[in-house]
Amino acid sequence: MLRAIVLGAVQGLTEFIPVSSSGHLVLVPFVLGWDAGTGFTPGVPFDVAVHLGTALAVVVYFRHELGGMIMGAARTLLRRPAEGDRSSARLLGLLGLGSIPAAALGIAFEGFFERLFRNPGLVAMLLLATAALLVAGEALHRRAPGERREIEDLRATDALIVGAFQAIAIAPGISRSAATIVGGLTRRMSRETAARFSFLLGLPAILGAGLVQIPDFPARTDWGAVVAGTGAAAAFGFASIWFLLRYLRRGSLHPFAAYCVAAAAFAFGWWLLA
């Protein structure tokens, strides 16, 4: 049970803080020696649980925005739009459009990406790619001063470009939130706006990653561990969304890049010695 809570907390924190949740869910059990035969081992039920937990965090945190998008789209389709409904419906469409690249890449190369999760050394190296991405995104943001774009300013091209950045983060060790935030920065969004769009865009991807595994649930499932992992992922996910949106109003991406370098060095060294 304790291991389920720890890994749920790791997923919740690192899904939104740009340091790679998939990488941490590979490296933390590896470093701690939580392999088969040592008690609780992450598997399909736990993967589903933590993804649904982080999805729940997004739904709860952005409940007003999500509700507005759904109702706005419904009223627009019924040709009874209220003020702001068309804008909300358009944002919902942009999120759907931005989800296409990751879905297409994941379906086309599912087996390839699954094999990457079995190589802790490679995951540690890909954390360095996340660090480089964060440094490059911050440099680009600082070198392009001027008025920043907000969510209501976004167009289909923006959604597809940020979605393409999300697609490269299927590989474990490359942070989805880092990739999509940097994708937003390339489109001249503010850091906070890029993070907000990143979190909303992540909801279909997070839900999809969890729901697609439900048919593989084994007959014997430790439901206590599943519930504990879901709760921990939801609580820590909500807290990390709250923290990052406030931090990015003034703070830079450099501390997260430094953390990724340190984590990669530690994990790679541990892998070499294992």
C-alpha atoms as a PDB file:
ATOM      1  CA  MET A   1       0.000   0.000   0.000  1.00  0.00           C
ATOM      2  CA  LEU A   2       2.800   2.424   0.897  1.00  0.00           C
ATOM      3  CA  ARG A   3       4.482   1.791  -2.436  1.00  0.00           C
ATOM      4  CA  ALA A   4       1.243   2.490  -4.287  1.00  0.00           C
ATOM      5  CA  ILE A   5       0.894   5.809  -2.447  1.00  0.00           C
ATOM      6  CA  VAL A   6       4.534   6.758  -3.119  1.00  0.00           C
ATOM      7  CA  LEU A   7       4.298   6.003  -6.833  1.00  0.00           C
ATOM      8  CA  GLY A   8       0.900   7.677  -7.071  1.00  0.00           C
ATOM      9  CA  ALA A   9       2.416  10.789  -5.512  1.00  0.00           C
ATOM     10  CA  VAL A  10       5.356  10.613  -7.930  1.00  0.00           C
ATOM     11  CA  GLN A  11       2.966  10.402 -10.883  1.00  0.00           C
ATOM     12  CA  GLY A  12       0.814  13.264  -9.619  1.00  0.00           C
ATOM     13  CA  LEU A  13       3.758  15.584  -9.023  1.00  0.00           C
ATOM     14  CA  THR A  14       5.758  14.818 -12.145  1.00  0.00           C
ATOM     15  CA  GLU A  15       2.865  14.659 -14.628  1.00  0.00           C
ATOM     16  CA  PHE A  16       2.494  18.433 -14.442  1.00  0.00           C
ATOM     17  CA  ILE A  17       5.830  19.663 -13.088  1.00  0.00           C
ATOM     18  CA  PRO A  18       8.070  19.423 -16.185  1.00  0.00           C
ATOM     19  CA  VAL A  19      10.414  16.611 -15.132  1.00  0.00           C
ATOM     20  CA  SER A  20       8.762  13.539 -16.810  1.00  0.00           C
ATOM     21  CA  SER A  21       6.272  11.370 -14.955  1.00  0.00           C
ATOM     22  CA  SER A  22       6.875   8.369 -17.230  1.00  0.00           C
ATOM     23  CA  GLY A  23      10.604   8.613 -16.598  1.00  0.00           C
ATOM     24  CA  HIS A  24      10.130   8.766 -12.844  1.00  0.00           C
ATOM     25  CA  LEU A  25       7.750   5.805 -12.838  1.00  0.00           C
ATOM     26  CA  VAL A  26      10.490   3.782 -14.530  1.00  0.00           C
ATOM     27  CA  LEU A  27      13.409   5.071 -12.471  1.00  0.00           C
ATOM     28  CA  VAL A  28      11.930   5.254  -8.965  1.00  0.00           C
ATOM     29  CA  PRO A  29      11.011   1.518  -8.770  1.00  0.00           C
ATOM     30  CA  PHE A  30      14.348   0.647 -10.415  1.00  0.00           C
ATOM     31  CA  VAL A  31      16.427   2.666  -7.932  1.00  0.00           C
ATOM     32  CA  LEU A  32      14.416   1.417  -4.952  1.00  0.00           C
ATOM     33  CA  GLY A  33      14.564  -2.199  -6.127  1.00  0.00           C
ATOM     34  CA  TRP A  34      10.809  -2.620  -6.382  1.00  0.00           C
ATOM     35  CA  ASP A  35      10.985  -5.459  -8.873  1.00  0.00           C
ATOM     36  CA  ALA A  36       8.814  -8.533  -9.171  1.00  0.00           C
ATOM     37  CA  GLY A  37       8.909 -10.660  -6.060  1.00  0.00           C
ATOM     38  CA  THR A  38       9.562  -7.753  -3.668  1.00  0.00           C
ATOM     39  CA  GLY A  39       5.958  -6.851  -2.881  1.00  0.00           C
ATOM     40  CA  PHE A  40       3.871  -4.299  -4.758  1.00  0.00           C
ATOM     41  CA  THR A  41       4.995  -3.991  -8.374  1.00  0.00           C
ATOM     42  CA  PRO A  42       3.524  -1.447 -10.799  1.00  0.00           C
ATOM     43  CA  GLY A  43       1.390  -3.132 -13.449  1.00  0.00           C
ATOM     44  CA  VAL A  44      -1.578  -2.475 -15.706  1.00  0.00           C
ATOM     45  CA  PRO A  45      -4.092  -1.771 -12.892  1.00  0.00           C
ATOM     46  CA  PHE A  46      -1.717   0.664 -11.240  1.00  0.00           C
ATOM     47  CA  ASP A  47      -0.897   2.413 -14.534  1.00  0.00           C
ATOM     48  CA  VAL A  48      -4.611   2.902 -15.144  1.00  0.00           C
ATOM     49  CA  ALA A  49      -5.136   4.117 -11.577  1.00  0.00           C
ATOM     50  CA  VAL A  50      -2.446   6.806 -11.599  1.00  0.00           C
ATOM     51  CA  HIS A  51      -3.450   8.083 -15.028  1.00  0.00           C
ATOM     52  CA  LEU A  52      -7.080   8.350 -13.972  1.00  0.00           C
ATOM     53  CA  GLY A  53      -5.933  10.067 -10.774  1.00  0.00           C
ATOM     54  CA  THR A  54      -4.018  12.763 -12.639  1.00  0.00           C
ATOM     55  CA  ALA A  55      -6.906  13.145 -15.096  1.00  0.00           C
ATOM     56  CA  LEU A  56      -9.195  13.689 -12.106  1.00  0.00           C
ATOM     57  CA  ALA A  57      -6.839  16.419 -10.863  1.00  0.00           C
ATOM     58  CA  VAL A  58      -7.167  18.246 -14.199  1.00  0.00           C
ATOM     59  CA  VAL A  59     -10.956  17.881 -14.222  1.00  0.00           C
ATOM     60  CA  VAL A  60     -11.315  19.212 -10.679  1.00  0.00           C
ATOM     61  CA  TYR A  61      -8.862  22.084 -11.112  1.00  0.00           C
ATOM     62  CA  PHE A  62     -10.252  23.217 -14.469  1.00  0.00           C
ATOM     63  CA  ARG A  63     -13.863  22.240 -13.780  1.00  0.00           C
ATOM     64  CA  HIS A  64     -15.223  25.682 -14.656  1.00  0.00           C
ATOM     65  CA  GLU A  65     -13.292  25.932 -17.923  1.00  0.00           C
ATOM     66  CA  LEU A  66     -14.170  22.367 -18.921  1.00  0.00           C
ATOM     67  CA  GLY A  67     -17.825  22.852 -18.032  1.00  0.00           C
ATOM     68  CA  GLY A  68     -17.897  26.066 -20.042  1.00  0.00           C
ATOM     69  CA  MET A  69     -16.349  24.347 -23.067  1.00  0.00           C
ATOM     70  CA  ILE A  70     -18.818  21.474 -23.002  1.00  0.00           C
ATOM     71  CA  MET A  71     -21.864  23.670 -22.490  1.00  0.00           C
ATOM     72  CA  GLY A  72     -20.601  26.228 -24.986  1.00  0.00           C
ATOM     73  CA  ALA A  73     -20.106  23.545 -27.635  1.00  0.00           C
ATOM     74  CA  ALA A  74     -23.549  22.080 -26.935  1.00  0.00           C
ATOM     75  CA  ARG A  75     -25.330  25.436 -27.148  1.00  0.00           C
ATOM     76  CA  THR A  76     -23.378  26.368 -30.265  1.00  0.00           C
ATOM     77  CA  LEU A  77     -24.364  23.105 -31.979  1.00  0.00           C
ATOM     78  CA  LEU A  78     -27.985  23.735 -30.998  1.00  0.00           C
ATOM     79  CA  ARG A  79     -27.651  27.257 -32.389  1.00  0.00           C
ATOM     80  CA  ARG A  80     -28.482  28.816 -29.046  1.00  0.00           C
ATOM     81  CA  PRO A  81     -25.087  30.271 -28.100  1.00  0.00           C
ATOM     82  CA  ALA A  82     -24.741  32.610 -25.158  1.00  0.00           C
ATOM     83  CA  GLU A  83     -21.959  35.169 -24.839  1.00  0.00           C
ATOM     84  CA  GLY A  84     -18.583  33.447 -24.946  1.00  0.00           C
ATOM     85  CA  ASP A  85     -19.961  30.072 -26.066  1.00  0.00           C
ATOM     86  CA  ARG A  86     -18.365  30.170 -29.498  1.00  0.00           C
ATOM     87  CA  SER A  87     -14.982  30.942 -27.944  1.00  0.00           C
ATOM     88  CA  SER A  88     -15.379  28.029 -25.500  1.00  0.00           C
ATOM     89  CA  ALA A  89     -16.469  25.691 -28.293  1.00  0.00           C
ATOM     90  CA  ARG A  90     -13.484  26.771 -30.394  1.00  0.00           C
ATOM     91  CA  LEU A  91     -11.091  25.997 -27.529  1.00  0.00           C
ATOM     92  CA  LEU A  92     -12.608  22.531 -27.185  1.00  0.00           C
ATOM     93  CA  GLY A  93     -12.036  22.016 -30.912  1.00  0.00           C
ATOM     94  CA  LEU A  94      -8.417  23.178 -30.581  1.00  0.00           C
ATOM     95  CA  LEU A  95      -7.801  20.673 -27.788  1.00  0.00           C
ATOM     96  CA  GLY A  96      -9.204  17.911 -29.957  1.00  0.00           C
ATOM     97  CA  LEU A  97      -7.055  18.999 -32.891  1.00  0.00           C
ATOM     98  CA  GLY A  98      -3.945  19.223 -30.728  1.00  0.00           C
ATOM     99  CA  SER A  99      -4.501  15.663 -29.453  1.00  0.00           C
ATOM    100  CA  ILE A 100      -4.237  14.123 -32.935  1.00  0.00           C
ATOM    101  CA  PRO A 101      -0.404  14.007 -33.327  1.00  0.00           C
ATOM    102  CA  ALA A 102       0.228  12.123 -30.070  1.00  0.00           C
ATOM    103  CA  ALA A 103      -2.656   9.717 -30.692  1.00  0.00           C
ATOM    104  CA  ALA A 104      -1.437   8.952 -34.213  1.00  0.00           C
ATOM    105  CA  LEU A 105       2.182   8.436 -33.146  1.00  0.00           C
ATOM    106  CA  GLY A 106       1.201   6.322 -30.141  1.00  0.00           C
ATOM    107  CA  ILE A 107      -0.970   3.999 -32.211  1.00  0.00           C
ATOM    108  CA  ALA A 108       1.598   3.675 -35.012  1.00  0.00           C
ATOM    109  CA  PHE A 109       4.582   2.939 -32.763  1.00  0.00           C
ATOM    110  CA  GLU A 110       2.990   1.441 -29.643  1.00  0.00           C
ATOM    111  CA  GLY A 111       5.349  -1.540 -29.433  1.00  0.00           C
ATOM    112  CA  PHE A 112       8.445   0.588 -29.914  1.00  0.00           C
ATOM    113  CA  PHE A 113       7.568   2.967 -27.083  1.00  0.00           C
ATOM    114  CA  GLU A 114       6.626   0.084 -24.765  1.00  0.00           C
ATOM    115  CA  ARG A 115      10.133  -1.342 -25.171  1.00  0.00           C
ATOM    116  CA  LEU A 116      11.679   1.980 -24.152  1.00  0.00           C
ATOM    117  CA  PHE A 117      10.047   1.650 -20.719  1.00  0.00           C
ATOM    118  CA  ARG A 118      12.210  -1.404 -20.027  1.00  0.00           C
ATOM    119  CA  ASN A 119      15.510   0.470 -20.318  1.00  0.00           C
ATOM    120  CA  PRO A 120      16.271   2.657 -17.255  1.00  0.00           C
ATOM    121  CA  GLY A 121      19.586   3.780 -18.748  1.00  0.00           C
ATOM    122  CA  LEU A 122      17.899   5.167 -21.843  1.00  0.00           C
ATOM    123  CA  VAL A 123      15.203   6.827 -19.734  1.00  0.00           C
ATOM    124  CA  ALA A 124      17.919   8.561 -17.690  1.00  0.00           C
ATOM    125  CA  MET A 125      19.520   9.841 -20.887  1.00  0.00           C
ATOM    126  CA  LEU A 126      16.195  11.135 -22.188  1.00  0.00           C
ATOM    127  CA  LEU A 127      15.843  13.220 -19.022  1.00  0.00           C
ATOM    128  CA  LEU A 128      18.778  15.192 -20.400  1.00  0.00           C
ATOM    129  CA  ALA A 129      16.705  15.812 -23.528  1.00  0.00           C
ATOM    130  CA  THR A 130      13.982  17.254 -21.291  1.00  0.00           C
ATOM    131  CA  ALA A 131      16.560  19.511 -19.627  1.00  0.00           C
ATOM    132  CA  ALA A 132      17.799  20.730 -23.012  1.00  0.00           C
ATOM    133  CA  LEU A 133      14.235  21.358 -24.144  1.00  0.00           C
ATOM    134  CA  LEU A 134      13.514  23.464 -21.060  1.00  0.00           C
ATOM    135  CA  VAL A 135      16.689  25.534 -21.439  1.00  0.00           C
ATOM    136  CA  ALA A 136      15.985  26.130 -25.140  1.00  0.00           C
ATOM    137  CA  GLY A 137      12.378  27.099 -24.440  1.00  0.00           C
ATOM    138  CA  GLU A 138      13.367  29.573 -21.736  1.00  0.00           C
ATOM    139  CA  ALA A 139      16.028  31.120 -23.987  1.00  0.00           C
ATOM    140  CA  LEU A 140      13.525  31.497 -26.820  1.00  0.00           C
ATOM    141  CA  HIS A 141      10.992  33.076 -24.477  1.00  0.00           C
ATOM    142  CA  ARG A 142      13.485  35.659 -23.227  1.00  0.00           C
ATOM    143  CA  ARG A 143      14.796  36.531 -26.681  1.00  0.00           C
ATOM    144  CA  ALA A 144      11.330  37.243 -28.061  1.00  0.00           C
ATOM    145  CA  PRO A 145       9.999  40.056 -25.856  1.00  0.00           C
ATOM    146  CA  GLY A 146       6.724  41.758 -26.556  1.00  0.00           C
ATOM    147  CA  GLU A 147       3.056  41.097 -26.062  1.00  0.00           C
ATOM    148  CA  ARG A 148       2.291  37.514 -25.120  1.00  0.00           C
ATOM    149  CA  ARG A 149      -0.593  35.561 -26.594  1.00  0.00           C
ATOM    150  CA  GLU A 150      -3.392  34.220 -24.401  1.00  0.00           C
ATOM    151  CA  ILE A 151      -5.574  31.138 -24.854  1.00  0.00           C
ATOM    152  CA  GLU A 152      -8.326  33.094 -26.607  1.00  0.00           C
ATOM    153  CA  ASP A 153      -5.760  34.155 -29.251  1.00  0.00           C
ATOM    154  CA  LEU A 154      -4.823  30.609 -30.284  1.00  0.00           C
ATOM    155  CA  ARG A 155      -5.522  29.147 -33.703  1.00  0.00           C
ATOM    156  CA  ALA A 156      -5.479  25.700 -35.313  1.00  0.00           C
ATOM    157  CA  THR A 157      -1.794  26.015 -36.236  1.00  0.00           C
ATOM    158  CA  ASP A 158      -0.898  26.667 -32.595  1.00  0.00           C
ATOM    159  CA  ALA A 159      -2.819  23.606 -31.422  1.00  0.00           C
ATOM    160  CA  LEU A 160      -1.154  21.349 -33.990  1.00  0.00           C
ATOM    161  CA  ILE A 161       2.342  22.614 -33.176  1.00  0.00           C
ATOM    162  CA  VAL A 162       1.874  22.176 -29.428  1.00  0.00           C
ATOM    163  CA  GLY A 163       0.295  18.782 -30.165  1.00  0.00           C
ATOM    164  CA  ALA A 164       3.382  17.798 -32.165  1.00  0.00           C
ATOM    165  CA  PHE A 165       5.544  18.681 -29.160  1.00  0.00           C
ATOM    166  CA  GLN A 166       3.258  16.505 -27.021  1.00  0.00           C
ATOM    167  CA  ALA A 167       3.770  13.603 -29.425  1.00  0.00           C
ATOM    168  CA  ILE A 168       7.544  13.483 -28.844  1.00  0.00           C
ATOM    169  CA  ALA A 169       6.895  13.134 -25.111  1.00  0.00           C
ATOM    170  CA  ILE A 170       5.474   9.623 -25.527  1.00  0.00           C
ATOM    171  CA  ALA A 171       9.047   8.432 -24.992  1.00  0.00           C
ATOM    172  CA  PRO A 172       9.684   7.912 -21.241  1.00  0.00           C
ATOM    173  CA  GLY A 173      12.054  10.525 -19.867  1.00  0.00           C
ATOM    174  CA  ILE A 174      10.809  13.324 -22.121  1.00  0.00           C
ATOM    175  CA  SER A 175       8.344  15.324 -20.066  1.00  0.00           C
ATOM    176  CA  ARG A 176       4.932  15.873 -21.651  1.00  0.00           C
ATOM    177  CA  SER A 177       4.381  19.100 -19.735  1.00  0.00           C
ATOM    178  CA  ALA A 178       7.889  20.355 -20.576  1.00  0.00           C
ATOM    179  CA  ALA A 179       7.416  19.602 -24.275  1.00  0.00           C
ATOM    180  CA  THR A 180       3.995  21.218 -24.528  1.00  0.00           C
ATOM    181  CA  ILE A 181       4.941  24.271 -22.456  1.00  0.00           C
ATOM    182  CA  VAL A 182       7.969  24.822 -24.672  1.00  0.00           C
ATOM    183  CA  GLY A 183       5.734  24.267 -27.704  1.00  0.00           C
ATOM    184  CA  GLY A 184       3.514  27.043 -26.383  1.00  0.00           C
ATOM    185  CA  LEU A 185       6.502  29.323 -25.860  1.00  0.00           C
ATOM    186  CA  THR A 186       7.464  28.883 -29.515  1.00  0.00           C
ATOM    187  CA  ARG A 187       4.028  30.344 -30.305  1.00  0.00           C
ATOM    188  CA  ARG A 188       4.721  33.409 -28.133  1.00  0.00           C
ATOM    189  CA  MET A 189       2.439  32.386 -25.281  1.00  0.00           C
ATOM    190  CA  SER A 190       3.232  33.510 -21.746  1.00  0.00           C
ATOM    191  CA  ARG A 191       4.658  30.780 -19.524  1.00  0.00           C
ATOM    192  CA  GLU A 192       1.432  30.568 -17.524  1.00  0.00           C
ATOM    193  CA  THR A 193      -0.768  30.428 -20.634  1.00  0.00           C
ATOM    194  CA  ALA A 194       1.466  27.756 -22.169  1.00  0.00           C
ATOM    195  CA  ALA A 195       1.176  25.695 -18.978  1.00  0.00           C
ATOM    196  CA  ARG A 196      -2.601  26.127 -18.797  1.00  0.00           C
ATOM    197  CA  PHE A 197      -3.026  25.020 -22.418  1.00  0.00           C
ATOM    198  CA  SER A 198      -0.581  22.155 -21.750  1.00  0.00           C
ATOM    199  CA  PHE A 199      -2.644  20.847 -18.836  1.00  0.00           C
ATOM    200  CA  LEU A 200      -5.931  21.069 -20.733  1.00  0.00           C
ATOM    201  CA  LEU A 201      -4.375  19.425 -23.794  1.00  0.00           C
ATOM    202  CA  GLY A 202      -2.978  16.681 -21.586  1.00  0.00           C
ATOM    203  CA  LEU A 203      -6.412  15.553 -20.379  1.00  0.00           C
ATOM    204  CA  PRO A 204      -7.295  13.499 -23.497  1.00  0.00           C
ATOM    205  CA  ALA A 205      -3.764  12.035 -23.580  1.00  0.00           C
ATOM    206  CA  ILE A 206      -3.766  11.126 -19.877  1.00  0.00           C
ATOM    207  CA  LEU A 207      -7.255   9.616 -20.051  1.00  0.00           C
ATOM    208  CA  GLY A 208      -6.378   7.740 -23.222  1.00  0.00           C
ATOM    209  CA  ALA A 209      -3.192   6.304 -21.723  1.00  0.00           C
ATOM    210  CA  GLY A 210      -5.207   4.938 -18.813  1.00  0.00           C
ATOM    211  CA  LEU A 211      -8.410   3.810 -20.506  1.00  0.00           C
ATOM    212  CA  VAL A 212      -6.665   1.953 -23.327  1.00  0.00           C
ATOM    213  CA  GLN A 213      -5.225  -0.465 -20.742  1.00  0.00           C
ATOM    214  CA  ILE A 214      -8.492  -1.316 -18.980  1.00  0.00           C
ATOM    215  CA  PRO A 215      -9.140  -4.434 -21.142  1.00  0.00           C
ATOM    216  CA  ASP A 216      -5.787  -5.815 -19.909  1.00  0.00           C
ATOM    217  CA  PHE A 217      -6.843  -5.748 -16.243  1.00  0.00           C
ATOM    218  CA  PRO A 218      -5.916  -9.088 -14.635  1.00  0.00           C
ATOM    219  CA  ALA A 219      -8.595 -11.096 -12.872  1.00  0.00           C
ATOM    220  CA  ARG A 220      -6.820 -10.702  -9.534  1.00  0.00           C
ATOM    221  CA  THR A 221      -6.249  -7.031  -8.789  1.00  0.00           C
ATOM    222  CA  ASP A 222      -5.145  -5.409  -5.547  1.00  0.00           C
ATOM    223  CA  TRP A 223      -7.947  -2.846  -5.428  1.00  0.00           C
ATOM    224  CA  GLY A 224      -6.602  -1.312  -2.241  1.00  0.00           C
ATOM    225  CA  ALA A 225      -3.368  -0.390  -4.022  1.00  0.00           C
ATOM    226  CA  VAL A 226      -5.337   0.856  -7.037  1.00  0.00           C
ATOM    227  CA  VAL A 227      -7.500   3.161  -4.910  1.00  0.00           C
ATOM    228  CA  ALA A 228      -4.496   4.400  -2.921  1.00  0.00           C
ATOM    229  CA  GLY A 229      -2.528   5.136  -6.085  1.00  0.00           C
ATOM    230  CA  THR A 230      -5.474   6.956  -7.665  1.00  0.00           C
ATOM    231  CA  GLY A 231      -6.036   9.108  -4.590  1.00  0.00           C
ATOM    232  CA  ALA A 232      -2.358  10.002  -4.236  1.00  0.00           C
ATOM    233  CA  ALA A 233      -2.019  10.842  -7.934  1.00  0.00           C
ATOM    234  CA  ALA A 234      -5.137  13.042  -7.843  1.00  0.00           C
ATOM    235  CA  ALA A 235      -4.140  14.928  -4.682  1.00  0.00           C
ATOM    236  CA  PHE A 236      -0.528  15.537  -5.664  1.00  0.00           C
ATOM    237  CA  GLY A 237      -1.535  16.279  -9.251  1.00  0.00           C
ATOM    238  CA  PHE A 238      -3.929  18.998  -8.106  1.00  0.00           C
ATOM    239  CA  ALA A 239      -1.235  20.485  -5.877  1.00  0.00           C
ATOM    240  CA  SER A 240       1.356  20.477  -8.657  1.00  0.00           C
ATOM    241  CA  ILE A 241      -1.025  22.216 -11.102  1.00  0.00           C
ATOM    242  CA  TRP A 242      -1.756  24.868  -8.475  1.00  0.00           C
ATOM    243  CA  PHE A 243       1.945  25.349  -7.766  1.00  0.00           C
ATOM    244  CA  LEU A 244       3.206  25.477 -11.340  1.00  0.00           C
ATOM    245  CA  LEU A 245       0.620  27.922 -12.659  1.00  0.00           C
ATOM    246  CA  ARG A 246       1.531  30.351  -9.896  1.00  0.00           C
ATOM    247  CA  TYR A 247       5.260  29.778 -10.148  1.00  0.00           C
ATOM    248  CA  LEU A 248       5.374  30.396 -13.906  1.00  0.00           C
ATOM    249  CA  ARG A 249       3.885  33.875 -13.552  1.00  0.00           C
ATOM    250  CA  ARG A 250       7.387  35.020 -12.615  1.00  0.00           C
ATOM    251  CA  GLY A 251       9.669  32.001 -12.365  1.00  0.00           C
ATOM    252  CA  SER A 252      11.793  30.459 -15.132  1.00  0.00           C
ATOM    253  CA  LEU A 253      12.117  26.869 -16.370  1.00  0.00           C
ATOM    254  CA  HIS A 254      15.793  26.640 -15.408  1.00  0.00           C
ATOM    255  CA  PRO A 255      15.321  24.996 -11.965  1.00  0.00           C
ATOM    256  CA  PHE A 256      13.411  22.128 -13.571  1.00  0.00           C
ATOM    257  CA  ALA A 257      16.144  21.703 -16.174  1.00  0.00           C
ATOM    258  CA  ALA A 258      18.762  21.556 -13.413  1.00  0.00           C
ATOM    259  CA  TYR A 259      16.723  18.926 -11.581  1.00  0.00           C
ATOM    260  CA  CYS A 260      16.465  16.803 -14.742  1.00  0.00           C
ATOM    261  CA  VAL A 261      20.248  16.906 -15.205  1.00  0.00           C
ATOM    262  CA  ALA A 262      20.830  15.887 -11.583  1.00  0.00           C
ATOM    263  CA  ALA A 263      18.212  13.116 -11.717  1.00  0.00           C
ATOM    264  CA  ALA A 264      19.628  11.817 -14.998  1.00  0.00           C
ATOM    265  CA  ALA A 265      23.180  11.724 -13.640  1.00  0.00           C
ATOM    266  CA  PHE A 266      22.100   9.909 -10.484  1.00  0.00           C
ATOM    267  CA  ALA A 267      19.889   7.396 -12.296  1.00  0.00           C
ATOM    268  CA  PHE A 268      22.448   6.705 -15.025  1.00  0.00           C
ATOM    269  CA  GLY A 269      25.168   6.147 -12.448  1.00  0.00           C
ATOM    270  CA  TRP A 270      22.884   3.780 -10.517  1.00  0.00           C
ATOM    271  CA  TRP A 271      22.086   1.908 -13.727  1.00  0.00           C
ATOM    272  CA  LEU A 272      25.790   1.454 -14.520  1.00  0.00           C
ATOM    273  CA  LEU A 273      26.457   0.088 -11.035  1.00  0.00           C
ATOM    274  CA  ALA A 274      23.393  -2.194 -10.941  1.00  0.00           C
END
